[in-house]
Amino acid sequence: MDDVVFTALDRYFNILSTLGYKNYTSVYKLIVLIFIQELLDSDCSSFISEDESRIIEKALTCLYGSDCLIPYRKYIVNTSVTCSST
């Protein structure tokens, strides 16, 4: 999550340095992403219920890749396959 926020902020400031402006919709999405990251990294994360965790996950799914600032989620693919002959 830290890498996603770092990448999004880096892209945001690069666009600002080039164009001087980024639309408010993109900025609001970035603020929500930062808020979720801060919430999950804080001491309050232990109070998040399972239902709230699902809501946060759905919100993150909607945010990933929805804008040029926020990258798509990277999925880890398990390439090692083990077969058991039982």
Protein backbone atom coordinates (compact mmCIF):
# COMPACT_ATOMS: atom_id res chain seq x y z
CA MET A 1 0.00 0.00 0.00
CA ASP A 2 2.87 2.37 0.76
CA ASP A 3 4.29 1.83 -2.73
CA VAL A 4 0.94 2.63 -4.33
CA VAL A 5 0.59 5.89 -2.39
CA PHE A 6 4.21 6.82 -3.12
CA THR A 7 3.73 6.17 -6.86
CA ALA A 8 0.48 8.14 -6.91
CA LEU A 9 2.03 11.12 -5.12
CA ASP A 10 5.09 11.01 -7.36
CA ARG A 11 2.87 11.05 -10.46
CA TYR A 12 0.77 13.85 -9.01
CA PHE A 13 3.73 16.12 -8.34
CA ASN A 14 5.27 15.34 -11.73
CA ILE A 15 2.03 16.38 -13.42
CA LEU A 16 1.86 19.51 -11.28
CA SER A 17 5.41 20.47 -12.17
CA THR A 18 4.68 19.99 -15.87
CA LEU A 19 1.12 21.25 -16.25
CA GLY A 20 0.59 23.22 -13.06
CA TYR A 21 -2.90 21.73 -12.58
CA LYS A 22 -4.65 18.42 -11.97
CA ASN A 23 -8.43 18.14 -11.96
CA TYR A 24 -10.24 17.94 -8.63
CA THR A 25 -11.69 14.47 -9.25
CA SER A 26 -8.18 13.00 -9.46
CA VAL A 27 -7.06 14.92 -6.38
CA TYR A 28 -10.08 13.70 -4.39
CA LYS A 29 -9.29 10.09 -5.34
CA LEU A 30 -5.72 10.62 -4.21
CA ILE A 31 -6.89 12.06 -0.88
CA VAL A 32 -9.17 9.06 -0.29
CA LEU A 33 -6.29 6.69 -1.08
CA ILE A 34 -4.03 8.49 1.40
CA PHE A 35 -6.79 8.48 4.03
CA ILE A 36 -7.30 4.72 3.69
CA GLN A 37 -3.56 4.11 3.93
CA GLU A 38 -3.28 6.28 7.06
CA LEU A 39 -6.31 4.53 8.59
CA LEU A 40 -4.87 1.07 7.96
CA ASP A 41 -1.44 2.04 9.27
CA SER A 42 -2.76 3.68 12.44
CA ASP A 43 -3.63 2.18 15.82
CA CYS A 44 -7.30 2.41 14.84
CA SER A 45 -6.88 -0.47 12.39
CA SER A 46 -7.48 -2.95 15.20
CA PHE A 47 -11.02 -1.59 15.56
CA ILE A 48 -11.99 -2.23 11.93
CA SER A 49 -14.60 -4.97 11.71
CA GLU A 50 -14.72 -7.63 9.01
CA ASP A 51 -17.60 -5.85 7.24
CA GLU A 52 -15.74 -2.55 7.31
CA SER A 53 -12.66 -4.29 5.99
CA ARG A 54 -14.68 -5.57 3.02
CA ILE A 55 -15.98 -2.05 2.36
CA ILE A 56 -12.43 -0.68 2.43
CA GLU A 57 -11.30 -3.43 0.05
CA LYS A 58 -14.13 -2.59 -2.37
CA ALA A 59 -13.22 1.09 -2.22
CA LEU A 60 -9.59 0.27 -2.97
CA THR A 61 -10.64 -1.94 -5.87
CA CYS A 62 -12.58 0.98 -7.32
CA LEU A 63 -9.62 3.33 -6.86
CA TYR A 64 -6.89 1.13 -8.36
CA GLY A 65 -6.36 2.10 -11.98
CA SER A 66 -9.31 4.50 -12.02
CA ASP A 67 -7.04 7.44 -12.74
CA CYS A 68 -3.64 8.04 -14.26
CA LEU A 69 -2.31 8.86 -10.79
CA ILE A 70 -3.25 5.61 -9.06
CA PRO A 71 -1.63 2.49 -10.55
CA TYR A 72 -3.34 -0.84 -10.97
CA ARG A 73 -2.88 -3.37 -8.21
CA LYS A 74 -0.01 -5.78 -8.69
CA TYR A 75 -0.98 -9.38 -8.26
CA ILE A 76 1.56 -11.90 -7.06
CA VAL A 77 1.46 -15.02 -9.14
CA ASN A 78 2.63 -18.23 -7.58
CA THR A 79 4.74 -19.81 -10.29
CA SER A 80 5.92 -22.79 -8.30
CA VAL A 81 3.63 -25.74 -8.75
CA THR A 82 4.02 -28.78 -6.60
CA CYS A 83 2.34 -32.03 -7.45
CA SER A 84 1.88 -34.83 -5.05
CA SER A 85 1.58 -38.35 -6.32
CA THR A 86 -0.82 -39.79 -3.79
